[in-house]
Amino acid sequence: MEKNSDLIKDKSIKKLRDEAEKLAEEALQDMLKSENSSPKPKPKKRDLKSKYKSTQNTLHLIPSPPNTASPNPSNSPSSTPLPNPPSSKFPTESDGSIKFAVTTKKFVKAKKFRGKLYVDFRNYFEKDGSMLPTKKGIALDEGKWEKLKSLMPEINDAVKGLL
């Protein structure tokens, strides 16, 4: 009797193994078909860097206001002063971020990325006359930034105690 039950177990295990191998083979074939139908090579690191550099030199054009025809001929575009754009009390960059210099090579930058607010503390280096960010730094999301702000009085007191 024991041999019979062992034989049944061996057959059922073999059957399960065969089914698993068949499913794995089908999955592999599906993966190979999908890879062959739409090959998407990963970009090289150099490509990403050149893409980043090219966005740094992009000229951002501001669309002009629509032309409003005036019945008064004395109101020509050359004689009408253009309204000044609203000025911010903070220095803004072309991407809308706000950057503050801590030292000559350390900056704090407030920016929106993918719809979320980040405060970025980062080292920068100079290359070809422009300042570029390094990997050395930290970007705080809105929650971590708020937590750091709430801890500032305690941190300040602790630093004063060490002095």
C-alpha atoms as a PDB file:
ATOM      1  CA  MET A   1       0.000   0.000   0.000  1.00  0.00           C
ATOM      2  CA  GLU A   2       2.796   2.414   0.872  1.00  0.00           C
ATOM      3  CA  LYS A   3       4.419   1.856  -2.518  1.00  0.00           C
ATOM      4  CA  ASN A   4       1.121   2.691  -4.205  1.00  0.00           C
ATOM      5  CA  SER A   5       0.727   5.957  -2.293  1.00  0.00           C
ATOM      6  CA  ASP A   6       4.376   6.867  -2.974  1.00  0.00           C
ATOM      7  CA  LEU A   7       3.836   6.126  -6.667  1.00  0.00           C
ATOM      8  CA  ILE A   8       0.722   8.319  -6.731  1.00  0.00           C
ATOM      9  CA  LYS A   9       2.626  11.128  -4.964  1.00  0.00           C
ATOM     10  CA  ASP A  10       5.516  10.831  -7.444  1.00  0.00           C
ATOM     11  CA  LYS A  11       3.103  10.960 -10.404  1.00  0.00           C
ATOM     12  CA  SER A  12       1.241  13.976  -9.015  1.00  0.00           C
ATOM     13  CA  ILE A  13       4.515  15.768  -8.258  1.00  0.00           C
ATOM     14  CA  LYS A  14       5.778  14.986 -11.752  1.00  0.00           C
ATOM     15  CA  LYS A  15       2.513  16.234 -13.250  1.00  0.00           C
ATOM     16  CA  LEU A  16       2.710  19.472 -11.239  1.00  0.00           C
ATOM     17  CA  ARG A  17       6.354  19.934 -12.212  1.00  0.00           C
ATOM     18  CA  ASP A  18       5.520  19.412 -15.897  1.00  0.00           C
ATOM     19  CA  GLU A  19       2.689  21.954 -15.694  1.00  0.00           C
ATOM     20  CA  ALA A  20       4.951  24.473 -13.964  1.00  0.00           C
ATOM     21  CA  GLU A  21       7.651  24.015 -16.603  1.00  0.00           C
ATOM     22  CA  LYS A  22       5.062  24.459 -19.357  1.00  0.00           C
ATOM     23  CA  LEU A  23       3.748  27.682 -17.772  1.00  0.00           C
ATOM     24  CA  ALA A  24       7.281  28.986 -17.297  1.00  0.00           C
ATOM     25  CA  GLU A  25       8.094  28.240 -20.937  1.00  0.00           C
ATOM     26  CA  GLU A  26       4.940  30.061 -22.099  1.00  0.00           C
ATOM     27  CA  ALA A  27       5.756  33.062 -19.922  1.00  0.00           C
ATOM     28  CA  LEU A  28       9.293  33.159 -21.296  1.00  0.00           C
ATOM     29  CA  GLN A  29       7.994  33.030 -24.863  1.00  0.00           C
ATOM     30  CA  ASP A  30       5.548  35.875 -24.128  1.00  0.00           C
ATOM     31  CA  MET A  31       8.362  37.972 -22.663  1.00  0.00           C
ATOM     32  CA  LEU A  32      10.570  37.351 -25.674  1.00  0.00           C
ATOM     33  CA  LYS A  33       7.745  38.272 -28.057  1.00  0.00           C
ATOM     34  CA  SER A  34       7.025  41.516 -26.214  1.00  0.00           C
ATOM     35  CA  GLU A  35      10.735  42.439 -26.148  1.00  0.00           C
ATOM     36  CA  ASN A  36      11.110  41.778 -29.874  1.00  0.00           C
ATOM     37  CA  SER A  37       7.994  43.715 -30.811  1.00  0.00           C
ATOM     38  CA  SER A  38       8.982  46.938 -29.029  1.00  0.00           C
ATOM     39  CA  PRO A  39      12.700  47.135 -28.331  1.00  0.00           C
ATOM     40  CA  LYS A  40      13.494  50.043 -26.029  1.00  0.00           C
ATOM     41  CA  PRO A  41      17.195  50.254 -25.243  1.00  0.00           C
ATOM     42  CA  LYS A  42      18.095  51.914 -21.987  1.00  0.00           C
ATOM     43  CA  PRO A  43      19.761  55.293 -22.447  1.00  0.00           C
ATOM     44  CA  LYS A  44      23.411  55.480 -21.567  1.00  0.00           C
ATOM     45  CA  LYS A  45      24.487  57.689 -18.707  1.00  0.00           C
ATOM     46  CA  ARG A  46      26.176  60.014 -21.184  1.00  0.00           C
ATOM     47  CA  ASP A  47      22.868  60.464 -22.999  1.00  0.00           C
ATOM     48  CA  LEU A  48      21.181  61.528 -19.762  1.00  0.00           C
ATOM     49  CA  LYS A  49      23.933  64.016 -18.999  1.00  0.00           C
ATOM     50  CA  SER A  50      23.816  65.534 -22.469  1.00  0.00           C
ATOM     51  CA  LYS A  51      20.033  65.746 -22.206  1.00  0.00           C
ATOM     52  CA  TYR A  52      20.401  67.552 -18.858  1.00  0.00           C
ATOM     53  CA  LYS A  53      22.952  69.963 -20.289  1.00  0.00           C
ATOM     54  CA  SER A  54      20.760  70.734 -23.269  1.00  0.00           C
ATOM     55  CA  THR A  55      17.862  71.665 -20.986  1.00  0.00           C
ATOM     56  CA  GLN A  56      20.132  74.063 -19.111  1.00  0.00           C
ATOM     57  CA  ASN A  57      20.744  76.065 -22.298  1.00  0.00           C
ATOM     58  CA  THR A  58      17.140  76.089 -23.496  1.00  0.00           C
ATOM     59  CA  LEU A  59      15.647  79.484 -24.224  1.00  0.00           C
ATOM     60  CA  HIS A  60      12.240  79.852 -22.625  1.00  0.00           C
ATOM     61  CA  LEU A  61       9.998  82.156 -24.634  1.00  0.00           C
ATOM     62  CA  ILE A  62       7.193  84.060 -22.966  1.00  0.00           C
ATOM     63  CA  PRO A  63       4.173  84.413 -25.247  1.00  0.00           C
ATOM     64  CA  SER A  64       3.195  87.963 -26.032  1.00  0.00           C
ATOM     65  CA  PRO A  65      -0.269  89.184 -25.043  1.00  0.00           C
ATOM     66  CA  PRO A  66      -2.916  88.973 -27.748  1.00  0.00           C
ATOM     67  CA  ASN A  67      -3.060  91.940 -30.093  1.00  0.00           C
ATOM     68  CA  THR A  68      -5.990  94.101 -29.102  1.00  0.00           C
ATOM     69  CA  ALA A  69      -6.925  96.486 -31.891  1.00  0.00           C
ATOM     70  CA  SER A  70      -7.806  99.933 -30.663  1.00  0.00           C
ATOM     71  CA  PRO A  71     -10.000 102.398 -32.572  1.00  0.00           C
ATOM     72  CA  ASN A  72      -7.739 105.200 -31.347  1.00  0.00           C
ATOM     73  CA  PRO A  73      -4.720 105.473 -33.724  1.00  0.00           C
ATOM     74  CA  SER A  74      -2.655 107.356 -31.121  1.00  0.00           C
ATOM     75  CA  ASN A  75      -2.617 104.216 -28.985  1.00  0.00           C
ATOM     76  CA  SER A  76       0.016 102.455 -31.077  1.00  0.00           C
ATOM     77  CA  PRO A  77       2.094  99.623 -29.601  1.00  0.00           C
ATOM     78  CA  SER A  78       5.243 101.746 -29.697  1.00  0.00           C
ATOM     79  CA  SER A  79       3.714 104.547 -27.617  1.00  0.00           C
ATOM     80  CA  THR A  80       1.994 102.298 -25.044  1.00  0.00           C
ATOM     81  CA  PRO A  81       4.261 101.351 -22.149  1.00  0.00           C
ATOM     82  CA  LEU A  82       4.347  97.619 -21.514  1.00  0.00           C
ATOM     83  CA  PRO A  83       3.287  96.532 -18.033  1.00  0.00           C
ATOM     84  CA  ASN A  84       6.105  95.179 -15.912  1.00  0.00           C
ATOM     85  CA  PRO A  85       5.771  91.526 -14.928  1.00  0.00           C
ATOM     86  CA  PRO A  86       5.030  91.039 -11.240  1.00  0.00           C
ATOM     87  CA  SER A  87       8.317  90.897  -9.391  1.00  0.00           C
ATOM     88  CA  SER A  88       8.935  88.328  -6.710  1.00  0.00           C
ATOM     89  CA  LYS A  89      10.739  89.207  -3.515  1.00  0.00           C
ATOM     90  CA  PHE A  90      12.723  85.977  -3.989  1.00  0.00           C
ATOM     91  CA  PRO A  91      15.227  85.243  -6.773  1.00  0.00           C
ATOM     92  CA  THR A  92      13.525  82.822  -9.166  1.00  0.00           C
ATOM     93  CA  GLU A  93      15.129  80.727 -11.865  1.00  0.00           C
ATOM     94  CA  SER A  94      13.857  79.903 -15.338  1.00  0.00           C
ATOM     95  CA  ASP A  95      12.226  76.687 -14.092  1.00  0.00           C
ATOM     96  CA  GLY A  96      10.275  78.561 -11.415  1.00  0.00           C
ATOM     97  CA  SER A  97      12.418  77.376  -8.518  1.00  0.00           C
ATOM     98  CA  ILE A  98      13.767  79.718  -5.857  1.00  0.00           C
ATOM     99  CA  LYS A  99      17.468  79.493  -4.998  1.00  0.00           C
ATOM    100  CA  PHE A 100      19.348  80.918  -1.997  1.00  0.00           C
ATOM    101  CA  ALA A 101      23.137  80.929  -1.611  1.00  0.00           C
ATOM    102  CA  VAL A 102      24.404  79.610   1.717  1.00  0.00           C
ATOM    103  CA  THR A 103      28.059  79.819   0.628  1.00  0.00           C
ATOM    104  CA  THR A 104      29.651  80.227  -2.783  1.00  0.00           C
ATOM    105  CA  LYS A 105      29.130  76.539  -3.548  1.00  0.00           C
ATOM    106  CA  LYS A 106      26.198  75.567  -1.307  1.00  0.00           C
ATOM    107  CA  PHE A 107      22.625  76.480  -2.124  1.00  0.00           C
ATOM    108  CA  VAL A 108      19.130  75.904  -0.787  1.00  0.00           C
ATOM    109  CA  LYS A 109      16.571  75.574  -3.548  1.00  0.00           C
ATOM    110  CA  ALA A 110      12.784  75.427  -3.207  1.00  0.00           C
ATOM    111  CA  LYS A 111      11.190  73.796  -6.241  1.00  0.00           C
ATOM    112  CA  LYS A 112       8.233  71.843  -7.508  1.00  0.00           C
ATOM    113  CA  PHE A 113       8.983  68.477  -9.073  1.00  0.00           C
ATOM    114  CA  ARG A 114       6.217  66.279 -10.455  1.00  0.00           C
ATOM    115  CA  GLY A 115       3.655  68.374  -8.622  1.00  0.00           C
ATOM    116  CA  LYS A 116       5.306  68.081  -5.204  1.00  0.00           C
ATOM    117  CA  LEU A 117       7.245  70.689  -3.234  1.00  0.00           C
ATOM    118  CA  TYR A 118      10.881  69.950  -2.377  1.00  0.00           C
ATOM    119  CA  VAL A 119      13.485  71.929  -0.443  1.00  0.00           C
ATOM    120  CA  ASP A 120      16.888  70.928  -1.779  1.00  0.00           C
ATOM    121  CA  PHE A 121      20.119  71.516   0.180  1.00  0.00           C
ATOM    122  CA  ARG A 122      22.922  70.814  -2.291  1.00  0.00           C
ATOM    123  CA  ASN A 123      26.564  71.468  -3.189  1.00  0.00           C
ATOM    124  CA  TYR A 124      27.199  72.960  -6.631  1.00  0.00           C
ATOM    125  CA  PHE A 125      30.245  73.143  -8.886  1.00  0.00           C
ATOM    126  CA  GLU A 126      31.130  75.582 -11.632  1.00  0.00           C
ATOM    127  CA  LYS A 127      31.438  74.337 -15.204  1.00  0.00           C
ATOM    128  CA  ASP A 128      31.647  76.540 -18.290  1.00  0.00           C
ATOM    129  CA  GLY A 129      30.513  79.569 -16.325  1.00  0.00           C
ATOM    130  CA  SER A 130      27.367  77.997 -14.869  1.00  0.00           C
ATOM    131  CA  MET A 131      26.715  76.396 -11.500  1.00  0.00           C
ATOM    132  CA  LEU A 132      25.606  72.751 -11.675  1.00  0.00           C
ATOM    133  CA  PRO A 133      24.329  70.577  -8.786  1.00  0.00           C
ATOM    134  CA  THR A 134      26.334  67.658  -7.423  1.00  0.00           C
ATOM    135  CA  LYS A 135      25.092  64.423  -5.877  1.00  0.00           C
ATOM    136  CA  LYS A 136      26.114  65.681  -2.454  1.00  0.00           C
ATOM    137  CA  GLY A 137      23.017  67.049  -0.787  1.00  0.00           C
ATOM    138  CA  ILE A 138      19.517  66.239   0.394  1.00  0.00           C
ATOM    139  CA  ALA A 139      16.049  67.003  -0.917  1.00  0.00           C
ATOM    140  CA  LEU A 140      13.283  67.252   1.683  1.00  0.00           C
ATOM    141  CA  ASP A 141       9.675  66.744   0.665  1.00  0.00           C
ATOM    142  CA  GLU A 142       6.993  68.998   2.109  1.00  0.00           C
ATOM    143  CA  GLY A 143       6.339  66.822   5.186  1.00  0.00           C
ATOM    144  CA  LYS A 144      10.005  66.531   6.147  1.00  0.00           C
ATOM    145  CA  TRP A 145      10.512  70.253   5.545  1.00  0.00           C
ATOM    146  CA  GLU A 146       7.610  71.106   7.878  1.00  0.00           C
ATOM    147  CA  LYS A 147       9.033  68.749  10.517  1.00  0.00           C
ATOM    148  CA  LEU A 148      12.462  70.384  10.240  1.00  0.00           C
ATOM    149  CA  LYS A 149      10.899  73.844  10.570  1.00  0.00           C
ATOM    150  CA  SER A 150       9.019  72.778  13.705  1.00  0.00           C
ATOM    151  CA  LEU A 151      12.253  71.417  15.218  1.00  0.00           C
ATOM    152  CA  MET A 152      14.309  74.558  14.465  1.00  0.00           C
ATOM    153  CA  PRO A 153      13.757  76.265  17.870  1.00  0.00           C
ATOM    154  CA  GLU A 154      14.875  73.110  19.691  1.00  0.00           C
ATOM    155  CA  ILE A 155      17.850  72.646  17.360  1.00  0.00           C
ATOM    156  CA  ASN A 156      18.793  76.301  17.823  1.00  0.00           C
ATOM    157  CA  ASP A 157      18.628  75.972  21.625  1.00  0.00           C
ATOM    158  CA  ALA A 158      20.777  72.825  21.495  1.00  0.00           C
ATOM    159  CA  VAL A 159      23.374  74.561  19.312  1.00  0.00           C
ATOM    160  CA  LYS A 160      23.447  77.551  21.670  1.00  0.00           C
ATOM    161  CA  GLY A 161      24.007  75.135  24.565  1.00  0.00           C
ATOM    162  CA  LEU A 162      27.043  73.670  22.779  1.00  0.00           C
ATOM    163  CA  LEU A 163      28.634  77.085  22.201  1.00  0.00           C
END
